[in-house]
Amino acid sequence: MTKAVFLDRDGTINVEKNYLYKIEDFEFLPGVFEALKLLQAEGYLLIVITNQSGIGRGYYTVEDFEKLNCWMLEQLQMHSINITEVFYCPHYINSMVAEYNFPCHCRKPEIGMYELAVQKYNINLERSWSIGDRIRDCSISSKSKCRSILIGHNERTEEINKVKNGMVQNVYYADNLLDGAKKIAGCTI
């Protein structure tokens, strides 16, 4: 079994912008390339797990998402970073698009996308991590032995309270993705 780091996209890899789907609006966050290289060097598969309700809301299409996704992966590959796969959830319960209008098991905080990745890549959750800027990105930690890092927590008091109140478990904090990657690599948490 292998180990992986499950990465949120918006707010973790790139600057969060509402319903991002245009290449010209995509900005990598500082330290992302260094962080991903470090995790990759430590032997982790890098897997992106991202909610994309903008598809279900009709703000952009699957094709728009895939175009941006391909561009992002190319940019990362230019820095010798290999993302094993990007799993995304297009669903939205009040969608105007019928095929996306239903309660799914994949939209975070549900863990369907994680389960698909675990099965497909034979991932050992006890040796794996999830990193994101929202508590929903850490949901896998309450349902498995996977540990999580919540980044940018200084601005998210409400989300910290969810951790303190036991709504999620096995969650640690870091300022950003690079800080989190260093903590994972150095086993300082």
Protein backbone atom coordinates (compact mmCIF):
# COMPACT_ATOMS: atom_id res chain seq x y z
CA MET A 1 0.00 0.00 0.00
CA THR A 2 1.15 3.49 -0.78
CA LYS A 3 0.83 6.82 0.98
CA ALA A 4 -0.76 9.97 -0.42
CA VAL A 5 -1.40 13.60 0.28
CA PHE A 6 -4.92 14.65 -0.69
CA LEU A 7 -4.88 18.31 -1.67
CA ASP A 8 -7.74 20.74 -1.92
CA ARG A 9 -7.33 23.03 -4.93
CA ASP A 10 -8.88 26.46 -4.38
CA GLY A 11 -7.31 28.23 -1.41
CA THR A 12 -4.63 25.55 -1.05
CA ILE A 13 -2.86 25.30 -4.41
CA ASN A 14 -4.19 28.50 -5.95
CA VAL A 15 -5.66 31.80 -4.81
CA GLU A 16 -9.32 31.21 -4.10
CA LYS A 17 -11.61 33.08 -6.45
CA ASN A 18 -15.32 32.40 -6.60
CA TYR A 19 -16.06 29.70 -9.16
CA LEU A 20 -12.67 29.84 -10.83
CA TYR A 21 -12.60 28.35 -14.31
CA LYS A 22 -10.54 30.72 -16.48
CA ILE A 23 -6.81 30.21 -16.96
CA GLU A 24 -6.17 33.96 -16.84
CA ASP A 25 -7.71 34.09 -13.33
CA PHE A 26 -5.63 31.22 -11.92
CA GLU A 27 -2.78 32.19 -9.56
CA PHE A 28 -0.59 29.67 -7.76
CA LEU A 29 -0.14 30.51 -4.09
CA PRO A 30 3.40 31.32 -2.89
CA GLY A 31 5.45 28.24 -1.96
CA VAL A 32 3.19 25.75 -3.73
CA PHE A 33 5.84 24.38 -6.10
CA GLU A 34 8.36 23.92 -3.28
CA ALA A 35 5.72 22.28 -1.08
CA LEU A 36 4.58 19.80 -3.71
CA LYS A 37 8.16 18.92 -4.65
CA LEU A 38 8.93 18.26 -0.99
CA LEU A 39 5.90 15.99 -0.55
CA GLN A 40 6.69 14.19 -3.79
CA ALA A 41 10.31 13.68 -2.67
CA GLU A 42 8.99 12.14 0.56
CA GLY A 43 7.25 9.48 -1.55
CA TYR A 44 3.67 10.70 -1.37
CA LEU A 45 1.26 10.42 -4.26
CA LEU A 46 -0.24 13.86 -4.84
CA ILE A 47 -4.01 13.69 -5.38
CA VAL A 48 -6.28 16.70 -5.75
CA ILE A 49 -9.77 16.41 -4.25
CA THR A 50 -11.92 19.41 -5.19
CA ASN A 51 -15.55 20.47 -4.99
CA GLN A 52 -16.61 22.17 -8.22
CA SER A 53 -20.23 23.15 -7.64
CA GLY A 54 -19.81 25.91 -10.24
CA ILE A 55 -20.49 23.17 -12.80
CA GLY A 56 -23.75 22.17 -11.12
CA ARG A 57 -24.71 25.79 -10.64
CA GLY A 58 -24.26 26.37 -14.38
CA TYR A 59 -21.46 28.94 -13.98
CA TYR A 60 -19.08 26.89 -16.13
CA THR A 61 -18.99 23.52 -17.85
CA VAL A 62 -17.09 20.28 -17.32
CA GLU A 63 -15.11 21.23 -20.42
CA ASP A 64 -14.20 24.59 -18.86
CA PHE A 65 -13.04 22.81 -15.71
CA GLU A 66 -11.04 20.24 -17.67
CA LYS A 67 -9.34 22.94 -19.75
CA LEU A 68 -8.20 24.76 -16.60
CA ASN A 69 -7.25 21.48 -14.95
CA CYS A 70 -5.07 20.43 -17.91
CA TRP A 71 -3.35 23.81 -17.87
CA MET A 72 -2.71 23.57 -14.10
CA LEU A 73 -1.25 20.07 -14.46
CA GLU A 74 1.00 21.24 -17.30
CA GLN A 75 2.29 24.11 -15.17
CA LEU A 76 3.04 21.72 -12.32
CA GLN A 77 4.76 19.25 -14.66
CA MET A 78 6.98 22.09 -15.89
CA HIS A 79 8.21 22.23 -12.26
CA SER A 80 8.69 18.41 -12.18
CA ILE A 81 5.56 17.91 -10.07
CA ASN A 82 3.33 14.97 -10.89
CA ILE A 83 -0.27 15.06 -9.72
CA THR A 84 -1.47 11.46 -9.76
CA GLU A 85 -5.10 12.43 -10.40
CA VAL A 86 -7.63 15.19 -9.87
CA PHE A 87 -10.97 14.04 -8.47
CA TYR A 88 -13.78 16.59 -8.61
CA CYS A 89 -17.42 16.80 -7.61
CA PRO A 90 -19.67 18.82 -9.97
CA HIS A 91 -22.85 18.26 -7.96
CA TYR A 92 -25.01 20.89 -6.34
CA ILE A 93 -28.29 20.06 -4.62
CA ASN A 94 -30.17 23.03 -6.13
CA SER A 95 -28.59 22.71 -9.56
CA MET A 96 -30.29 24.07 -12.63
CA VAL A 97 -28.58 21.23 -14.52
CA ALA A 98 -30.59 18.05 -13.86
CA GLU A 99 -27.65 15.65 -14.12
CA TYR A 100 -25.91 17.40 -11.19
CA ASN A 101 -28.97 18.03 -9.00
CA PHE A 102 -28.92 15.33 -6.35
CA PRO A 103 -27.39 14.70 -2.94
CA CYS A 104 -24.13 12.90 -3.68
CA HIS A 105 -21.58 11.00 -1.65
CA CYS A 106 -18.62 12.75 -3.26
CA ARG A 107 -19.03 16.43 -2.34
CA LYS A 108 -16.80 17.29 0.61
CA PRO A 109 -17.36 16.92 3.54
CA GLU A 110 -18.58 13.56 2.22
CA ILE A 111 -15.69 11.21 1.49
CA GLY A 112 -16.66 9.58 -1.82
CA MET A 113 -13.79 11.10 -3.79
CA TYR A 114 -11.32 9.96 -1.13
CA GLU A 115 -12.77 6.45 -1.24
CA LEU A 116 -12.37 6.31 -5.03
CA ALA A 117 -8.74 7.42 -4.76
CA VAL A 118 -7.98 4.92 -1.98
CA GLN A 119 -9.43 2.06 -3.98
CA LYS A 120 -7.87 3.07 -7.30
CA TYR A 121 -4.35 3.66 -5.94
CA ASN A 122 -4.29 1.20 -3.01
CA ILE A 123 -3.66 4.00 -0.51
CA ASN A 124 -2.89 3.37 3.14
CA LEU A 125 -4.86 6.10 4.94
CA GLU A 126 -2.90 5.62 8.15
CA ARG A 127 0.23 6.83 6.31
CA SER A 128 -1.59 9.60 4.41
CA TRP A 129 -2.58 13.22 4.87
CA SER A 130 -5.23 15.63 3.66
CA ILE A 131 -4.49 19.35 3.33
CA GLY A 132 -6.97 22.15 2.76
CA ASP A 133 -8.10 25.58 3.80
CA ARG A 134 -11.58 24.53 4.94
CA ILE A 135 -12.66 22.07 7.59
CA ARG A 136 -14.55 20.09 4.93
CA ASP A 137 -11.13 19.32 3.41
CA CYS A 138 -10.28 17.53 6.66
CA SER A 139 -13.44 15.38 6.82
CA ILE A 140 -11.57 12.19 5.90
CA SER A 141 -9.72 12.43 9.24
CA SER A 142 -12.87 11.92 11.27
CA LYS A 143 -13.75 8.82 9.30
CA SER A 144 -10.35 7.13 9.01
CA LYS A 145 -6.82 7.19 10.37
CA CYS A 146 -5.77 9.75 7.76
CA ARG A 147 -4.46 12.93 9.35
CA SER A 148 -5.24 16.41 8.09
CA ILE A 149 -3.72 19.84 8.04
CA LEU A 150 -5.94 22.90 8.01
CA ILE A 151 -4.02 25.80 6.49
CA GLY A 152 -4.56 29.50 6.97
CA HIS A 153 -6.37 28.75 10.22
CA ASN A 154 -5.68 32.15 11.78
CA GLU A 155 -8.54 33.59 9.74
CA ARG A 156 -10.94 30.73 10.38
CA THR A 157 -12.05 30.87 14.02
CA GLU A 158 -15.34 29.14 13.24
CA GLU A 159 -13.49 26.24 11.63
CA ILE A 160 -11.05 25.94 14.56
CA ASN A 161 -14.04 25.71 16.90
CA LYS A 162 -15.31 22.72 14.91
CA VAL A 163 -12.00 20.99 15.60
CA LYS A 164 -12.05 21.95 19.27
CA ASN A 165 -15.63 20.73 19.62
CA GLY A 166 -14.72 17.32 18.19
CA MET A 167 -16.62 17.69 14.92
CA VAL A 168 -13.42 16.63 13.14
CA GLN A 169 -10.44 14.77 14.51
CA ASN A 170 -6.75 14.28 13.74
CA VAL A 171 -6.47 17.84 12.40
CA TYR A 172 -3.33 19.95 12.74
CA TYR A 173 -2.63 23.51 11.67
CA ALA A 174 -0.20 25.22 9.32
CA ASP A 175 0.07 28.70 7.90
CA ASN A 176 0.13 27.55 4.27
CA LEU A 177 0.83 24.54 2.07
CA LEU A 178 4.61 24.89 2.34
CA ASP A 179 4.44 25.07 6.13
CA GLY A 180 2.21 21.98 6.14
CA ALA A 181 4.52 20.09 3.78
CA LYS A 182 7.51 20.85 5.99
CA LYS A 183 5.64 19.58 9.04
CA ILE A 184 4.71 16.36 7.25
CA ALA A 185 8.25 15.83 5.93
CA GLY A 186 9.81 16.59 9.31
CA CYS A 187 7.19 14.72 11.30
CA THR A 188 6.88 17.71 13.63
CA ILE A 189 3.20 17.02 14.32
